[in-house]
Amino acid sequence: MPYREQKVAEAIKSAVAEIILEDLADPKLGFVTITAARISNDYKKATLYFTAFGENVKQEEVLEHLNHAANFIRSHLKEKVILRYLPELTFEIDRLLEEEQKIGKVLDELNKLQETNKG
């Protein structure tokens, strides 16, 4: 990603995280962390990746809630980030943490197998 796109994506990421924390306070969301942002080459679409933590928090429900609130978030975004085009926002679940946990479990199982084969 070119430098300018990175800077714009980072600005959007920070601003959206702030909006979610301050203006979209909803106990159903739990603790939402915006982990990454990607912006299209024409700056008209932005995809924000998130993780959500908390008791009884389901990632898919948070995803639905965030995508439903995208226009609200976008309207607040124009007050925080000055751009020629205000991008359409879509949210995606950041699956990296889940993948890392799966890999960790597989590695643990392999280590256990190795230990039993040695002994």
N, C-alpha and C. Protein backbone atom coordinates (compact mmCIF):
# COMPACT_ATOMS: atom_id res chain seq x y z
N MET A 1 0.85 -1.17 0.00
CA MET A 1 0.00 0.00 0.00
C MET A 1 0.89 1.24 0.00
N PRO A 2 0.66 2.16 -0.93
CA PRO A 2 1.46 3.38 -0.98
C PRO A 2 1.35 4.19 0.32
N TYR A 3 2.33 5.03 0.54
CA TYR A 3 2.44 5.78 1.79
C TYR A 3 1.19 6.61 2.08
N ARG A 4 0.70 7.34 1.09
CA ARG A 4 -0.49 8.19 1.29
C ARG A 4 -1.68 7.35 1.68
N GLU A 5 -1.89 6.22 1.02
CA GLU A 5 -3.00 5.33 1.37
C GLU A 5 -2.86 4.83 2.80
N GLN A 6 -1.64 4.52 3.20
CA GLN A 6 -1.41 4.06 4.57
C GLN A 6 -1.77 5.15 5.57
N LYS A 7 -1.35 6.37 5.30
CA LYS A 7 -1.64 7.48 6.21
C LYS A 7 -3.14 7.72 6.32
N VAL A 8 -3.84 7.72 5.19
CA VAL A 8 -5.29 7.93 5.20
C VAL A 8 -5.98 6.78 5.93
N ALA A 9 -5.57 5.56 5.65
CA ALA A 9 -6.17 4.40 6.32
C ALA A 9 -5.94 4.47 7.83
N GLU A 10 -4.76 4.86 8.24
CA GLU A 10 -4.45 4.97 9.67
C GLU A 10 -5.28 6.07 10.33
N ALA A 11 -5.46 7.19 9.64
CA ALA A 11 -6.28 8.28 10.18
C ALA A 11 -7.74 7.84 10.32
N ILE A 12 -8.23 7.13 9.33
CA ILE A 12 -9.61 6.62 9.39
C ILE A 12 -9.74 5.60 10.52
N LYS A 13 -8.77 4.71 10.63
CA LYS A 13 -8.78 3.70 11.70
C LYS A 13 -8.87 4.35 13.07
N SER A 14 -8.02 5.32 13.32
CA SER A 14 -8.00 6.00 14.62
C SER A 14 -9.31 6.75 14.89
N ALA A 15 -9.79 7.45 13.88
CA ALA A 15 -11.02 8.22 14.05
C ALA A 15 -12.22 7.31 14.29
N VAL A 16 -12.31 6.22 13.54
CA VAL A 16 -13.44 5.29 13.71
C VAL A 16 -13.39 4.64 15.08
N ALA A 17 -12.20 4.27 15.53
CA ALA A 17 -12.06 3.69 16.86
C ALA A 17 -12.56 4.67 17.92
N GLU A 18 -12.22 5.93 17.77
CA GLU A 18 -12.66 6.97 18.70
C GLU A 18 -14.18 7.14 18.65
N ILE A 19 -14.75 7.14 17.47
CA ILE A 19 -16.20 7.29 17.31
C ILE A 19 -16.93 6.13 17.96
N ILE A 20 -16.44 4.92 17.74
CA ILE A 20 -17.07 3.74 18.35
C ILE A 20 -17.02 3.84 19.87
N LEU A 21 -15.89 4.25 20.38
CA LEU A 21 -15.72 4.35 21.83
C LEU A 21 -16.58 5.44 22.45
N GLU A 22 -16.64 6.60 21.80
CA GLU A 22 -17.31 7.75 22.40
C GLU A 22 -18.76 7.91 21.98
N ASP A 23 -19.07 7.68 20.72
CA ASP A 23 -20.40 8.00 20.21
C ASP A 23 -21.30 6.80 19.98
N LEU A 24 -20.73 5.62 19.95
CA LEU A 24 -21.51 4.42 19.65
C LEU A 24 -21.49 3.47 20.85
N ALA A 25 -21.40 4.03 22.02
CA ALA A 25 -21.32 3.21 23.23
C ALA A 25 -22.57 2.34 23.33
N ASP A 26 -22.38 1.05 23.22
CA ASP A 26 -23.47 0.09 23.30
C ASP A 26 -22.95 -1.14 24.02
N PRO A 27 -23.59 -1.52 25.13
CA PRO A 27 -23.10 -2.67 25.88
C PRO A 27 -23.08 -3.97 25.06
N LYS A 28 -23.92 -4.05 24.04
CA LYS A 28 -23.96 -5.25 23.20
C LYS A 28 -22.66 -5.43 22.41
N LEU A 29 -21.97 -4.32 22.17
CA LEU A 29 -20.74 -4.39 21.39
C LEU A 29 -19.57 -4.95 22.18
N GLY A 30 -19.61 -4.81 23.48
CA GLY A 30 -18.45 -5.21 24.28
C GLY A 30 -17.32 -4.22 24.03
N PHE A 31 -16.11 -4.70 24.10
CA PHE A 31 -14.94 -3.85 23.86
C PHE A 31 -14.48 -4.10 22.43
N VAL A 32 -14.70 -3.14 21.55
CA VAL A 32 -14.35 -3.28 20.13
C VAL A 32 -13.02 -2.60 19.88
N THR A 33 -12.13 -3.32 19.22
CA THR A 33 -10.84 -2.78 18.83
C THR A 33 -10.74 -2.81 17.31
N ILE A 34 -10.47 -1.67 16.71
CA ILE A 34 -10.22 -1.62 15.28
C ILE A 34 -8.76 -1.99 15.08
N THR A 35 -8.52 -3.10 14.41
CA THR A 35 -7.17 -3.63 14.29
C THR A 35 -6.46 -3.19 13.02
N ALA A 36 -7.23 -2.92 11.96
CA ALA A 36 -6.60 -2.53 10.69
C ALA A 36 -7.63 -1.82 9.82
N ALA A 37 -7.13 -1.08 8.86
CA ALA A 37 -7.99 -0.40 7.88
C ALA A 37 -7.34 -0.51 6.52
N ARG A 38 -8.15 -0.75 5.53
CA ARG A 38 -7.69 -0.79 4.14
C ARG A 38 -8.57 0.17 3.35
N ILE A 39 -7.95 0.95 2.48
CA ILE A 39 -8.69 1.91 1.68
C ILE A 39 -8.45 1.60 0.21
N SER A 40 -9.49 1.78 -0.59
CA SER A 40 -9.37 1.51 -2.02
C SER A 40 -8.48 2.55 -2.68
N ASN A 41 -8.00 2.24 -3.87
CA ASN A 41 -7.09 3.14 -4.59
C ASN A 41 -7.71 4.51 -4.87
N ASP A 42 -9.04 4.54 -5.05
CA ASP A 42 -9.71 5.81 -5.32
C ASP A 42 -10.21 6.50 -4.05
N TYR A 43 -9.91 5.92 -2.88
CA TYR A 43 -10.26 6.48 -1.57
C TYR A 43 -11.76 6.55 -1.33
N LYS A 44 -12.54 5.81 -2.08
CA LYS A 44 -14.00 5.89 -1.93
C LYS A 44 -14.58 4.77 -1.07
N LYS A 45 -13.78 3.76 -0.75
CA LYS A 45 -14.24 2.66 0.10
C LYS A 45 -13.16 2.31 1.11
N ALA A 46 -13.60 2.12 2.34
CA ALA A 46 -12.67 1.72 3.40
C ALA A 46 -13.23 0.49 4.10
N THR A 47 -12.37 -0.48 4.32
CA THR A 47 -12.73 -1.67 5.08
C THR A 47 -11.98 -1.63 6.38
N LEU A 48 -12.72 -1.77 7.47
CA LEU A 48 -12.13 -1.72 8.81
C LEU A 48 -12.26 -3.10 9.44
N TYR A 49 -11.16 -3.60 9.97
CA TYR A 49 -11.13 -4.91 10.61
C TYR A 49 -11.15 -4.72 12.11
N PHE A 50 -11.92 -5.56 12.80
CA PHE A 50 -12.08 -5.38 14.24
C PHE A 50 -12.07 -6.72 14.98
N THR A 51 -11.85 -6.62 16.27
CA THR A 51 -12.09 -7.73 17.19
C THR A 51 -12.93 -7.16 18.31
N ALA A 52 -13.75 -8.01 18.91
CA ALA A 52 -14.61 -7.60 20.01
C ALA A 52 -14.44 -8.58 21.16
N PHE A 53 -14.34 -8.04 22.36
CA PHE A 53 -14.15 -8.86 23.55
C PHE A 53 -15.23 -8.50 24.56
N GLY A 54 -15.56 -9.46 25.39
CA GLY A 54 -16.53 -9.22 26.46
C GLY A 54 -17.37 -10.46 26.69
N GLU A 55 -18.11 -10.44 27.79
CA GLU A 55 -18.97 -11.56 28.11
C GLU A 55 -20.12 -11.60 27.11
N ASN A 56 -20.42 -12.77 26.63
CA ASN A 56 -21.54 -13.01 25.71
C ASN A 56 -21.48 -12.16 24.44
N VAL A 57 -20.28 -11.77 24.03
CA VAL A 57 -20.12 -10.98 22.80
C VAL A 57 -19.86 -11.95 21.65
N LYS A 58 -20.69 -11.84 20.62
CA LYS A 58 -20.53 -12.68 19.43
C LYS A 58 -20.06 -11.79 18.30
N GLN A 59 -18.94 -12.19 17.69
CA GLN A 59 -18.32 -11.38 16.63
C GLN A 59 -19.30 -11.06 15.51
N GLU A 60 -20.11 -12.05 15.11
CA GLU A 60 -21.03 -11.85 13.99
C GLU A 60 -22.09 -10.80 14.33
N GLU A 61 -22.56 -10.78 15.58
CA GLU A 61 -23.54 -9.79 15.99
C GLU A 61 -22.92 -8.40 16.01
N VAL A 62 -21.69 -8.30 16.46
CA VAL A 62 -20.98 -7.02 16.47
C VAL A 62 -20.78 -6.55 15.03
N LEU A 63 -20.42 -7.48 14.14
CA LEU A 63 -20.24 -7.14 12.72
C LEU A 63 -21.53 -6.57 12.15
N GLU A 64 -22.64 -7.22 12.42
CA GLU A 64 -23.93 -6.76 11.93
C GLU A 64 -24.25 -5.36 12.48
N HIS A 65 -24.00 -5.18 13.76
CA HIS A 65 -24.28 -3.89 14.41
C HIS A 65 -23.40 -2.78 13.81
N LEU A 66 -22.12 -3.05 13.63
CA LEU A 66 -21.21 -2.04 13.07
C LEU A 66 -21.57 -1.69 11.63
N ASN A 67 -21.88 -2.71 10.82
CA ASN A 67 -22.26 -2.41 9.43
C ASN A 67 -23.58 -1.65 9.37
N HIS A 68 -24.48 -1.93 10.32
CA HIS A 68 -25.74 -1.19 10.39
C HIS A 68 -25.48 0.27 10.78
N ALA A 69 -24.49 0.49 11.63
CA ALA A 69 -24.16 1.84 12.11
C ALA A 69 -23.14 2.56 11.22
N ALA A 70 -22.78 1.97 10.10
CA ALA A 70 -21.71 2.52 9.24
C ALA A 70 -22.01 3.95 8.80
N ASN A 71 -23.25 4.25 8.43
CA ASN A 71 -23.57 5.61 8.00
C ASN A 71 -23.47 6.61 9.15
N PHE A 72 -23.88 6.19 10.35
CA PHE A 72 -23.75 7.03 11.54
C PHE A 72 -22.27 7.32 11.80
N ILE A 73 -21.46 6.27 11.74
CA ILE A 73 -20.01 6.42 11.97
C ILE A 73 -19.41 7.31 10.89
N ARG A 74 -19.84 7.11 9.66
CA ARG A 74 -19.33 7.91 8.54
C ARG A 74 -19.68 9.39 8.71
N SER A 75 -20.87 9.68 9.18
CA SER A 75 -21.27 11.08 9.37
C SER A 75 -20.42 11.75 10.45
N HIS A 76 -20.00 10.99 11.46
CA HIS A 76 -19.13 11.54 12.49
C HIS A 76 -17.67 11.60 12.01
N LEU A 77 -17.34 10.73 11.08
CA LEU A 77 -15.98 10.68 10.55
C LEU A 77 -15.62 11.97 9.82
N LYS A 78 -16.60 12.57 9.13
CA LYS A 78 -16.31 13.79 8.37
C LYS A 78 -15.93 14.95 9.27
N GLU A 79 -16.27 14.86 10.57
CA GLU A 79 -15.88 15.90 11.51
C GLU A 79 -14.44 15.69 12.02
N LYS A 80 -13.93 14.48 11.88
CA LYS A 80 -12.62 14.16 12.44
C LYS A 80 -11.51 14.05 11.40
N VAL A 81 -11.87 13.65 10.17
CA VAL A 81 -10.87 13.47 9.11
C VAL A 81 -11.33 14.26 7.89
N ILE A 82 -10.47 15.12 7.40
CA ILE A 82 -10.81 15.93 6.24
C ILE A 82 -10.24 15.27 5.00
N LEU A 83 -11.14 14.83 4.14
CA LEU A 83 -10.77 14.17 2.89
C LEU A 83 -11.61 14.73 1.75
N ARG A 84 -11.10 14.63 0.55
CA ARG A 84 -11.87 15.05 -0.61
C ARG A 84 -13.11 14.17 -0.75
N TYR A 85 -12.92 12.87 -0.65
CA TYR A 85 -14.03 11.92 -0.69
C TYR A 85 -14.11 11.22 0.65
N LEU A 86 -15.27 11.21 1.24
CA LEU A 86 -15.47 10.48 2.48
C LEU A 86 -15.83 9.05 2.09
N PRO A 87 -14.99 8.09 2.45
CA PRO A 87 -15.21 6.72 1.96
C PRO A 87 -16.43 6.04 2.59
N GLU A 88 -17.02 5.14 1.83
CA GLU A 88 -18.03 4.25 2.38
C GLU A 88 -17.32 3.29 3.30
N LEU A 89 -17.94 2.98 4.43
CA LEU A 89 -17.30 2.11 5.41
C LEU A 89 -17.95 0.74 5.44
N THR A 90 -17.11 -0.27 5.47
CA THR A 90 -17.58 -1.63 5.73
C THR A 90 -16.68 -2.22 6.80
N PHE A 91 -17.24 -3.10 7.57
CA PHE A 91 -16.50 -3.72 8.66
C PHE A 91 -16.36 -5.21 8.40
N GLU A 92 -15.24 -5.75 8.83
CA GLU A 92 -14.96 -7.18 8.71
C GLU A 92 -14.35 -7.65 10.03
N ILE A 93 -14.63 -8.89 10.38
CA ILE A 93 -14.04 -9.48 11.58
C ILE A 93 -12.58 -9.79 11.28
N ASP A 94 -11.70 -9.40 12.18
CA ASP A 94 -10.29 -9.72 12.05
C ASP A 94 -10.09 -11.14 12.56
N ARG A 95 -9.83 -12.05 11.67
CA ARG A 95 -9.72 -13.47 12.02
C ARG A 95 -8.29 -13.87 12.39
N LEU A 96 -7.37 -12.94 12.41
CA LEU A 96 -5.97 -13.24 12.68
C LEU A 96 -5.78 -13.88 14.05
N LEU A 97 -6.44 -13.35 15.07
CA LEU A 97 -6.31 -13.89 16.42
C LEU A 97 -6.81 -15.34 16.47
N GLU A 98 -7.94 -15.60 15.82
CA GLU A 98 -8.47 -16.97 15.77
C GLU A 98 -7.49 -17.91 15.09
N GLU A 99 -6.92 -17.46 13.98
CA GLU A 99 -5.96 -18.29 13.25
C GLU A 99 -4.72 -18.56 14.09
N GLU A 100 -4.25 -17.54 14.80
CA GLU A 100 -3.08 -17.74 15.66
C GLU A 100 -3.37 -18.76 16.77
N GLN A 101 -4.58 -18.70 17.32
CA GLN A 101 -4.96 -19.66 18.36
C GLN A 101 -5.02 -21.08 17.80
N LYS A 102 -5.56 -21.23 16.60
CA LYS A 102 -5.62 -22.56 15.96
C LYS A 102 -4.21 -23.10 15.73
N ILE A 103 -3.34 -22.26 15.23
CA ILE A 103 -1.96 -22.68 14.97
C ILE A 103 -1.28 -23.06 16.29
N GLY A 104 -1.52 -22.28 17.33
CA GLY A 104 -0.96 -22.59 18.64
C GLY A 104 -1.42 -23.94 19.16
N LYS A 105 -2.70 -24.25 18.98
CA LYS A 105 -3.22 -25.56 19.41
C LYS A 105 -2.58 -26.70 18.64
N VAL A 106 -2.43 -26.52 17.34
CA VAL A 106 -1.80 -27.55 16.51
C VAL A 106 -0.36 -27.77 16.95
N LEU A 107 0.36 -26.69 17.19
CA LEU A 107 1.75 -26.81 17.64
C LEU A 107 1.83 -27.49 19.01
N ASP A 108 0.92 -27.17 19.91
CA ASP A 108 0.89 -27.83 21.21
C ASP A 108 0.66 -29.33 21.06
N GLU A 109 -0.27 -29.70 20.18
CA GLU A 109 -0.55 -31.13 19.95
C GLU A 109 0.67 -31.83 19.37
N LEU A 110 1.34 -31.17 18.44
CA LEU A 110 2.55 -31.75 17.86
C LEU A 110 3.63 -31.95 18.91
N ASN A 111 3.79 -30.97 19.78
CA ASN A 111 4.77 -31.09 20.87
C ASN A 111 4.42 -32.25 21.79
N LYS A 112 3.16 -32.43 22.10
CA LYS A 112 2.73 -33.54 22.97
C LYS A 112 3.02 -34.88 22.29
N LEU A 113 2.73 -34.95 21.01
CA LEU A 113 3.02 -36.19 20.27
C LEU A 113 4.51 -36.49 20.26
N GLN A 114 5.31 -35.48 20.06
CA GLN A 114 6.75 -35.65 20.06
C GLN A 114 7.25 -36.14 21.41
N GLU A 115 6.69 -35.57 22.48
CA GLU A 115 7.08 -35.95 23.84
C GLU A 115 6.71 -37.41 24.12
N THR A 116 5.53 -37.85 23.68
CA THR A 116 5.12 -39.23 23.93
C THR A 116 5.92 -40.22 23.08
N ASN A 117 6.32 -39.81 21.90
CA ASN A 117 7.12 -40.69 21.05
C ASN A 117 8.55 -40.84 21.57
N LYS A 118 9.06 -39.81 22.25
CA LYS A 118 10.39 -39.87 22.82
C LYS A 118 10.44 -40.80 24.04
N GLY A 119 9.37 -40.74 24.83
CA GLY A 119 9.37 -41.47 26.10
C GLY A 119 8.86 -42.83 25.99
